[in-house]
Amino acid sequence: MLIGEYQHNIDSKGRVIVPSKFREDLGEHFYIAKGLDRCLFVFSQEEWSRLQEKVRAMPISKARGLQRFFFAGACEAVPDKQGRILIPQLLREHAGLKKDITFIGASSRAEIWDTASWNAFNAELTQESIADAMDDLEL
């Protein structure tokens, strides 16, 4: 399970160090795709395959938007010896990544956020919205 929050910097070439705990959980290679809320989703090979199968099982009339969103700009990432990956320009633009970024664990995937966007997202969360979601889970 991917959990935690880690701050890092992205260099001018678009490289960033993936937190070591995430590298352990994601494996030797993993996949990065556009995510919701202007972040990037990071999937292990197993989770990526699961997503592909679920989308593939949908009728094309319902799946085409998801296929285009997730798969068109996705890339495979293999960390170098320093634990760095290169995030392609298209994905950096989607998430507005400039310098300060935040990796978060989101259970079955990691997410990469521009730190300012992550902070703004968290500022919009309310106790009421969290309580409503917990009610939906019957917690």
N, C-alpha and C. Protein backbone atom coordinates (compact mmCIF):
# COMPACT_ATOMS: atom_id res chain seq x y z
N MET A 1 0.84 -1.17 0.00
CA MET A 1 0.00 0.00 0.00
C MET A 1 0.89 1.24 0.00
N LEU A 2 0.54 2.20 -0.81
CA LEU A 2 1.30 3.44 -0.92
C LEU A 2 0.70 4.48 0.01
N ILE A 3 1.51 4.92 0.99
CA ILE A 3 1.06 5.92 1.94
C ILE A 3 2.18 6.93 2.18
N GLY A 4 1.82 8.07 2.70
CA GLY A 4 2.80 9.07 3.06
C GLY A 4 2.81 10.25 2.11
N GLU A 5 3.57 11.27 2.50
CA GLU A 5 3.70 12.50 1.72
C GLU A 5 5.17 12.92 1.76
N TYR A 6 5.73 13.19 0.59
CA TYR A 6 7.15 13.50 0.47
C TYR A 6 7.35 14.68 -0.46
N GLN A 7 8.17 15.64 -0.03
CA GLN A 7 8.47 16.81 -0.86
C GLN A 7 9.82 16.60 -1.55
N HIS A 8 9.85 16.95 -2.82
CA HIS A 8 11.07 16.86 -3.62
C HIS A 8 11.11 18.03 -4.59
N ASN A 9 12.23 18.15 -5.28
CA ASN A 9 12.38 19.16 -6.33
C ASN A 9 12.56 18.46 -7.67
N ILE A 10 12.03 19.07 -8.70
CA ILE A 10 12.22 18.56 -10.05
C ILE A 10 13.31 19.43 -10.69
N ASP A 11 14.24 18.81 -11.39
CA ASP A 11 15.32 19.59 -11.99
C ASP A 11 14.92 20.15 -13.35
N SER A 12 15.79 20.94 -13.95
CA SER A 12 15.47 21.61 -15.21
C SER A 12 15.25 20.65 -16.37
N LYS A 13 15.74 19.42 -16.23
CA LYS A 13 15.55 18.41 -17.27
C LYS A 13 14.28 17.59 -17.06
N GLY A 14 13.57 17.84 -15.96
CA GLY A 14 12.34 17.11 -15.69
C GLY A 14 12.56 15.84 -14.88
N ARG A 15 13.71 15.73 -14.22
CA ARG A 15 14.00 14.55 -13.41
C ARG A 15 13.68 14.82 -11.94
N VAL A 16 13.22 13.78 -11.28
CA VAL A 16 12.91 13.89 -9.86
C VAL A 16 13.22 12.57 -9.18
N ILE A 17 13.64 12.66 -7.92
CA ILE A 17 13.90 11.45 -7.14
C ILE A 17 12.57 10.93 -6.60
N VAL A 18 12.30 9.66 -6.85
CA VAL A 18 11.10 9.01 -6.32
C VAL A 18 11.43 8.56 -4.89
N PRO A 19 10.56 8.85 -3.93
CA PRO A 19 10.83 8.41 -2.56
C PRO A 19 11.16 6.92 -2.51
N SER A 20 12.17 6.55 -1.73
CA SER A 20 12.63 5.16 -1.70
C SER A 20 11.51 4.20 -1.30
N LYS A 21 10.67 4.60 -0.37
CA LYS A 21 9.55 3.73 0.04
C LYS A 21 8.62 3.47 -1.14
N PHE A 22 8.38 4.48 -1.95
CA PHE A 22 7.53 4.30 -3.13
C PHE A 22 8.20 3.39 -4.15
N ARG A 23 9.52 3.55 -4.32
CA ARG A 23 10.23 2.68 -5.28
C ARG A 23 10.09 1.22 -4.86
N GLU A 24 10.16 0.96 -3.57
CA GLU A 24 9.98 -0.42 -3.07
C GLU A 24 8.60 -0.95 -3.43
N ASP A 25 7.58 -0.12 -3.23
CA ASP A 25 6.20 -0.56 -3.46
C ASP A 25 5.83 -0.59 -4.94
N LEU A 26 6.39 0.32 -5.74
CA LEU A 26 6.03 0.39 -7.16
C LEU A 26 6.78 -0.62 -8.01
N GLY A 27 7.95 -1.04 -7.58
CA GLY A 27 8.73 -2.01 -8.34
C GLY A 27 9.79 -1.36 -9.20
N GLU A 28 10.47 -2.18 -9.99
CA GLU A 28 11.59 -1.72 -10.81
C GLU A 28 11.17 -0.80 -11.94
N HIS A 29 9.97 -0.99 -12.44
CA HIS A 29 9.42 -0.05 -13.41
C HIS A 29 7.93 0.10 -13.14
N PHE A 30 7.44 1.28 -13.47
CA PHE A 30 6.05 1.61 -13.19
C PHE A 30 5.56 2.59 -14.24
N TYR A 31 4.33 3.02 -14.11
CA TYR A 31 3.70 3.83 -15.14
C TYR A 31 3.20 5.15 -14.56
N ILE A 32 3.37 6.21 -15.33
CA ILE A 32 2.90 7.54 -14.95
C ILE A 32 1.88 7.97 -15.99
N ALA A 33 0.76 8.49 -15.53
CA ALA A 33 -0.31 8.93 -16.42
C ALA A 33 -0.93 10.21 -15.89
N LYS A 34 -1.65 10.91 -16.75
CA LYS A 34 -2.40 12.06 -16.30
C LYS A 34 -3.36 11.61 -15.21
N GLY A 35 -3.51 12.44 -14.20
CA GLY A 35 -4.44 12.15 -13.13
C GLY A 35 -5.51 13.21 -13.05
N LEU A 36 -6.40 13.05 -12.13
CA LEU A 36 -7.45 14.03 -11.91
C LEU A 36 -6.92 15.16 -11.02
N ASP A 37 -7.61 16.27 -10.99
CA ASP A 37 -7.27 17.40 -10.14
C ASP A 37 -5.88 17.97 -10.45
N ARG A 38 -5.43 17.85 -11.69
CA ARG A 38 -4.13 18.38 -12.13
C ARG A 38 -2.95 17.76 -11.39
N CYS A 39 -3.00 16.45 -11.21
CA CYS A 39 -1.86 15.73 -10.67
C CYS A 39 -1.52 14.60 -11.63
N LEU A 40 -0.49 13.83 -11.30
CA LEU A 40 -0.14 12.65 -12.08
C LEU A 40 -0.41 11.42 -11.23
N PHE A 41 -0.91 10.38 -11.86
CA PHE A 41 -1.10 9.10 -11.20
C PHE A 41 0.11 8.23 -11.50
N VAL A 42 0.57 7.50 -10.50
CA VAL A 42 1.70 6.60 -10.66
C VAL A 42 1.24 5.20 -10.25
N PHE A 43 1.32 4.26 -11.18
CA PHE A 43 0.83 2.90 -10.97
C PHE A 43 1.96 1.88 -11.03
N SER A 44 1.91 0.90 -10.15
CA SER A 44 2.81 -0.25 -10.29
C SER A 44 2.39 -1.00 -11.55
N GLN A 45 3.24 -1.91 -11.99
CA GLN A 45 2.91 -2.70 -13.17
C GLN A 45 1.62 -3.47 -12.95
N GLU A 46 1.44 -4.01 -11.76
CA GLU A 46 0.23 -4.78 -11.44
C GLU A 46 -1.03 -3.90 -11.49
N GLU A 47 -0.96 -2.72 -10.89
CA GLU A 47 -2.12 -1.82 -10.90
C GLU A 47 -2.40 -1.28 -12.30
N TRP A 48 -1.35 -1.03 -13.08
CA TRP A 48 -1.52 -0.57 -14.45
C TRP A 48 -2.24 -1.63 -15.29
N SER A 49 -1.85 -2.88 -15.12
CA SER A 49 -2.50 -3.98 -15.83
C SER A 49 -3.96 -4.10 -15.41
N ARG A 50 -4.21 -3.92 -14.13
CA ARG A 50 -5.60 -3.98 -13.62
C ARG A 50 -6.44 -2.86 -14.24
N LEU A 51 -5.89 -1.65 -14.32
CA LEU A 51 -6.59 -0.53 -14.94
C LEU A 51 -6.87 -0.82 -16.41
N GLN A 52 -5.86 -1.33 -17.13
CA GLN A 52 -6.05 -1.66 -18.54
C GLN A 52 -7.18 -2.66 -18.73
N GLU A 53 -7.19 -3.70 -17.91
CA GLU A 53 -8.21 -4.74 -18.05
C GLU A 53 -9.61 -4.18 -17.77
N LYS A 54 -9.72 -3.35 -16.76
CA LYS A 54 -11.03 -2.77 -16.44
C LYS A 54 -11.53 -1.87 -17.57
N VAL A 55 -10.64 -1.06 -18.12
CA VAL A 55 -11.04 -0.17 -19.21
C VAL A 55 -11.35 -0.99 -20.46
N ARG A 56 -10.54 -2.02 -20.72
CA ARG A 56 -10.75 -2.87 -21.88
C ARG A 56 -12.09 -3.61 -21.81
N ALA A 57 -12.57 -3.90 -20.61
CA ALA A 57 -13.83 -4.63 -20.45
C ALA A 57 -15.06 -3.74 -20.68
N MET A 58 -14.84 -2.43 -20.70
CA MET A 58 -15.96 -1.51 -20.90
C MET A 58 -16.32 -1.42 -22.39
N PRO A 59 -17.58 -1.11 -22.70
CA PRO A 59 -17.92 -0.85 -24.10
C PRO A 59 -17.12 0.35 -24.61
N ILE A 60 -16.71 0.30 -25.86
CA ILE A 60 -15.88 1.37 -26.43
C ILE A 60 -16.56 2.72 -26.31
N SER A 61 -17.89 2.75 -26.39
CA SER A 61 -18.61 4.02 -26.30
C SER A 61 -18.40 4.68 -24.94
N LYS A 62 -18.17 3.89 -23.91
CA LYS A 62 -17.92 4.44 -22.57
C LYS A 62 -16.44 4.53 -22.26
N ALA A 63 -15.63 3.71 -22.88
CA ALA A 63 -14.20 3.61 -22.54
C ALA A 63 -13.33 4.61 -23.30
N ARG A 64 -13.76 5.08 -24.43
CA ARG A 64 -12.86 5.85 -25.29
C ARG A 64 -12.28 7.09 -24.61
N GLY A 65 -13.07 7.79 -23.82
CA GLY A 65 -12.55 8.96 -23.13
C GLY A 65 -11.49 8.58 -22.11
N LEU A 66 -11.74 7.53 -21.35
CA LEU A 66 -10.76 7.06 -20.37
C LEU A 66 -9.49 6.57 -21.07
N GLN A 67 -9.66 5.84 -22.16
CA GLN A 67 -8.50 5.34 -22.89
C GLN A 67 -7.63 6.50 -23.35
N ARG A 68 -8.25 7.50 -23.91
CA ARG A 68 -7.48 8.65 -24.41
C ARG A 68 -6.82 9.41 -23.27
N PHE A 69 -7.56 9.61 -22.18
CA PHE A 69 -7.02 10.39 -21.06
C PHE A 69 -5.85 9.68 -20.40
N PHE A 70 -6.02 8.41 -20.04
CA PHE A 70 -4.99 7.71 -19.30
C PHE A 70 -3.84 7.21 -20.15
N PHE A 71 -4.11 6.69 -21.33
CA PHE A 71 -3.08 5.97 -22.06
C PHE A 71 -2.32 6.81 -23.08
N ALA A 72 -2.94 7.85 -23.65
CA ALA A 72 -2.27 8.61 -24.71
C ALA A 72 -0.98 9.28 -24.23
N GLY A 73 -1.00 9.85 -23.05
CA GLY A 73 0.18 10.56 -22.58
C GLY A 73 1.00 9.80 -21.55
N ALA A 74 0.63 8.56 -21.29
CA ALA A 74 1.29 7.78 -20.24
C ALA A 74 2.71 7.39 -20.66
N CYS A 75 3.52 7.10 -19.65
CA CYS A 75 4.87 6.62 -19.94
C CYS A 75 5.28 5.59 -18.90
N GLU A 76 6.22 4.77 -19.30
CA GLU A 76 6.82 3.82 -18.38
C GLU A 76 8.03 4.50 -17.74
N ALA A 77 8.20 4.33 -16.45
CA ALA A 77 9.31 4.95 -15.74
C ALA A 77 10.19 3.87 -15.12
N VAL A 78 11.49 4.05 -15.30
CA VAL A 78 12.48 3.15 -14.70
C VAL A 78 13.48 4.04 -13.96
N PRO A 79 13.49 3.99 -12.63
CA PRO A 79 14.42 4.84 -11.89
C PRO A 79 15.88 4.51 -12.21
N ASP A 80 16.72 5.55 -12.27
CA ASP A 80 18.15 5.34 -12.46
C ASP A 80 18.78 4.95 -11.12
N LYS A 81 20.10 4.85 -11.07
CA LYS A 81 20.78 4.41 -9.86
C LYS A 81 20.58 5.35 -8.68
N GLN A 82 20.29 6.62 -8.96
CA GLN A 82 20.02 7.58 -7.88
C GLN A 82 18.54 7.61 -7.49
N GLY A 83 17.71 6.78 -8.16
CA GLY A 83 16.29 6.75 -7.86
C GLY A 83 15.49 7.82 -8.58
N ARG A 84 16.10 8.42 -9.62
CA ARG A 84 15.42 9.48 -10.37
C ARG A 84 14.67 8.91 -11.57
N ILE A 85 13.59 9.60 -11.90
CA ILE A 85 12.86 9.31 -13.13
C ILE A 85 12.73 10.60 -13.92
N LEU A 86 12.53 10.46 -15.21
CA LEU A 86 12.27 11.60 -16.07
C LEU A 86 10.76 11.67 -16.30
N ILE A 87 10.17 12.82 -15.98
CA ILE A 87 8.75 13.02 -16.25
C ILE A 87 8.65 13.79 -17.56
N PRO A 88 8.02 13.21 -18.58
CA PRO A 88 7.93 13.88 -19.88
C PRO A 88 7.24 15.24 -19.78
N GLN A 89 7.61 16.12 -20.69
CA GLN A 89 7.09 17.49 -20.70
C GLN A 89 5.56 17.52 -20.71
N LEU A 90 4.92 16.69 -21.51
CA LEU A 90 3.46 16.66 -21.59
C LEU A 90 2.84 16.42 -20.21
N LEU A 91 3.40 15.49 -19.46
CA LEU A 91 2.88 15.19 -18.13
C LEU A 91 3.21 16.31 -17.15
N ARG A 92 4.40 16.89 -17.26
CA ARG A 92 4.75 18.02 -16.38
C ARG A 92 3.79 19.18 -16.61
N GLU A 93 3.44 19.43 -17.85
CA GLU A 93 2.50 20.51 -18.16
C GLU A 93 1.12 20.21 -17.61
N HIS A 94 0.66 18.97 -17.75
CA HIS A 94 -0.66 18.59 -17.24
C HIS A 94 -0.78 18.89 -15.75
N ALA A 95 0.26 18.57 -14.99
CA ALA A 95 0.22 18.74 -13.54
C ALA A 95 0.78 20.09 -13.08
N GLY A 96 1.24 20.90 -14.00
CA GLY A 96 1.80 22.20 -13.64
C GLY A 96 3.06 22.09 -12.80
N LEU A 97 3.87 21.05 -13.06
CA LEU A 97 5.08 20.84 -12.26
C LEU A 97 6.16 21.82 -12.69
N LYS A 98 6.67 22.54 -11.71
CA LYS A 98 7.72 23.51 -12.00
C LYS A 98 8.98 23.18 -11.22
N LYS A 99 8.97 23.35 -9.92
CA LYS A 99 10.17 23.05 -9.13
C LYS A 99 9.83 22.20 -7.90
N ASP A 100 8.98 22.72 -7.03
CA ASP A 100 8.62 22.01 -5.80
C ASP A 100 7.46 21.07 -6.07
N ILE A 101 7.70 19.79 -5.81
CA ILE A 101 6.64 18.81 -6.04
C ILE A 101 6.42 17.98 -4.78
N THR A 102 5.26 17.37 -4.72
CA THR A 102 4.90 16.52 -3.59
C THR A 102 4.44 15.17 -4.12
N PHE A 103 5.05 14.11 -3.62
CA PHE A 103 4.58 12.75 -3.87
C PHE A 103 3.65 12.39 -2.73
N ILE A 104 2.51 11.82 -3.06
CA ILE A 104 1.63 11.32 -2.01
C ILE A 104 1.28 9.87 -2.30
N GLY A 105 1.06 9.12 -1.24
CA GLY A 105 0.55 7.77 -1.38
C GLY A 105 -0.97 7.83 -1.35
N ALA A 106 -1.61 7.15 -2.27
CA ALA A 106 -3.07 7.13 -2.35
C ALA A 106 -3.55 5.68 -2.43
N SER A 107 -3.05 4.85 -1.52
CA SER A 107 -3.41 3.44 -1.40
C SER A 107 -2.84 2.61 -2.54
N SER A 108 -3.58 2.46 -3.64
CA SER A 108 -3.13 1.59 -4.72
C SER A 108 -2.30 2.32 -5.78
N ARG A 109 -2.12 3.61 -5.62
CA ARG A 109 -1.30 4.39 -6.56
C ARG A 109 -0.62 5.50 -5.78
N ALA A 110 0.39 6.08 -6.39
CA ALA A 110 1.00 7.31 -5.88
C ALA A 110 0.50 8.44 -6.76
N GLU A 111 0.65 9.64 -6.27
CA GLU A 111 0.31 10.82 -7.06
C GLU A 111 1.47 11.80 -6.96
N ILE A 112 1.68 12.54 -8.05
CA ILE A 112 2.70 13.58 -8.08
C ILE A 112 1.98 14.91 -8.30
N TRP A 113 2.21 15.84 -7.38
CA TRP A 113 1.55 17.14 -7.40
C TRP A 113 2.58 18.26 -7.41
N ASP A 114 2.25 19.36 -8.05
CA ASP A 114 2.94 20.60 -7.80
C ASP A 114 2.61 20.95 -6.34
N THR A 115 3.60 21.28 -5.54
CA THR A 115 3.36 21.48 -4.11
C THR A 115 2.33 22.56 -3.84
N ALA A 116 2.35 23.66 -4.57
CA ALA A 116 1.37 24.72 -4.36
C ALA A 116 -0.04 24.21 -4.66
N SER A 117 -0.19 23.40 -5.71
CA SER A 117 -1.50 22.83 -6.04
C SER A 117 -1.97 21.86 -4.96
N TRP A 118 -1.04 21.05 -4.44
CA TRP A 118 -1.37 20.12 -3.36
C TRP A 118 -1.85 20.88 -2.12
N ASN A 119 -1.15 21.95 -1.78
CA ASN A 119 -1.54 22.74 -0.62
C ASN A 119 -2.90 23.39 -0.83
N ALA A 120 -3.16 23.88 -2.04
CA ALA A 120 -4.46 24.48 -2.34
C ALA A 120 -5.57 23.44 -2.28
N PHE A 121 -5.32 22.25 -2.81
CA PHE A 121 -6.31 21.18 -2.75
C PHE A 121 -6.68 20.87 -1.30
N ASN A 122 -5.65 20.75 -0.45
CA ASN A 122 -5.89 20.45 0.96
C ASN A 122 -6.63 21.58 1.67
N ALA A 123 -6.37 22.81 1.28
CA ALA A 123 -7.04 23.96 1.90
C ALA A 123 -8.54 23.96 1.61
N GLU A 124 -8.92 23.35 0.48
CA GLU A 124 -10.33 23.30 0.10
C GLU A 124 -11.10 22.19 0.79
N LEU A 125 -10.39 21.20 1.34
CA LEU A 125 -11.07 20.12 2.04
C LEU A 125 -11.70 20.66 3.32
N THR A 126 -12.89 20.20 3.60
CA THR A 126 -13.55 20.61 4.83
C THR A 126 -13.81 19.38 5.69
N GLN A 127 -13.97 19.62 6.97
CA GLN A 127 -14.32 18.54 7.89
C GLN A 127 -15.63 17.90 7.46
N GLU A 128 -16.55 18.72 6.95
CA GLU A 128 -17.85 18.21 6.52
C GLU A 128 -17.72 17.26 5.32
N SER A 129 -16.88 17.62 4.34
CA SER A 129 -16.73 16.75 3.17
C SER A 129 -16.06 15.43 3.55
N ILE A 130 -15.11 15.49 4.47
CA ILE A 130 -14.46 14.26 4.94
C ILE A 130 -15.46 13.41 5.72
N ALA A 131 -16.26 14.05 6.57
CA ALA A 131 -17.27 13.32 7.35
C ALA A 131 -18.29 12.67 6.43
N ASP A 132 -18.72 13.37 5.37
CA ASP A 132 -19.67 12.79 4.42
C ASP A 132 -19.08 11.57 3.74
N ALA A 133 -17.80 11.64 3.34
CA ALA A 133 -17.15 10.50 2.70
C ALA A 133 -17.03 9.33 3.67
N MET A 134 -16.75 9.63 4.93
CA MET A 134 -16.66 8.57 5.94
C MET A 134 -18.02 7.91 6.16
N ASP A 135 -19.08 8.73 6.10
CA ASP A 135 -20.44 8.16 6.22
C ASP A 135 -20.72 7.21 5.07
N ASP A 136 -20.29 7.58 3.86
CA ASP A 136 -20.48 6.70 2.70
C ASP A 136 -19.78 5.37 2.88
N LEU A 137 -18.65 5.40 3.60
CA LEU A 137 -17.91 4.16 3.87
C LEU A 137 -18.41 3.45 5.12
N GLU A 138 -19.39 4.06 5.77
CA GLU A 138 -19.96 3.53 7.01
C GLU A 138 -18.89 3.39 8.10
N LEU A 139 -18.05 4.42 8.23
CA LEU A 139 -17.02 4.44 9.26
C LEU A 139 -17.51 5.23 10.46
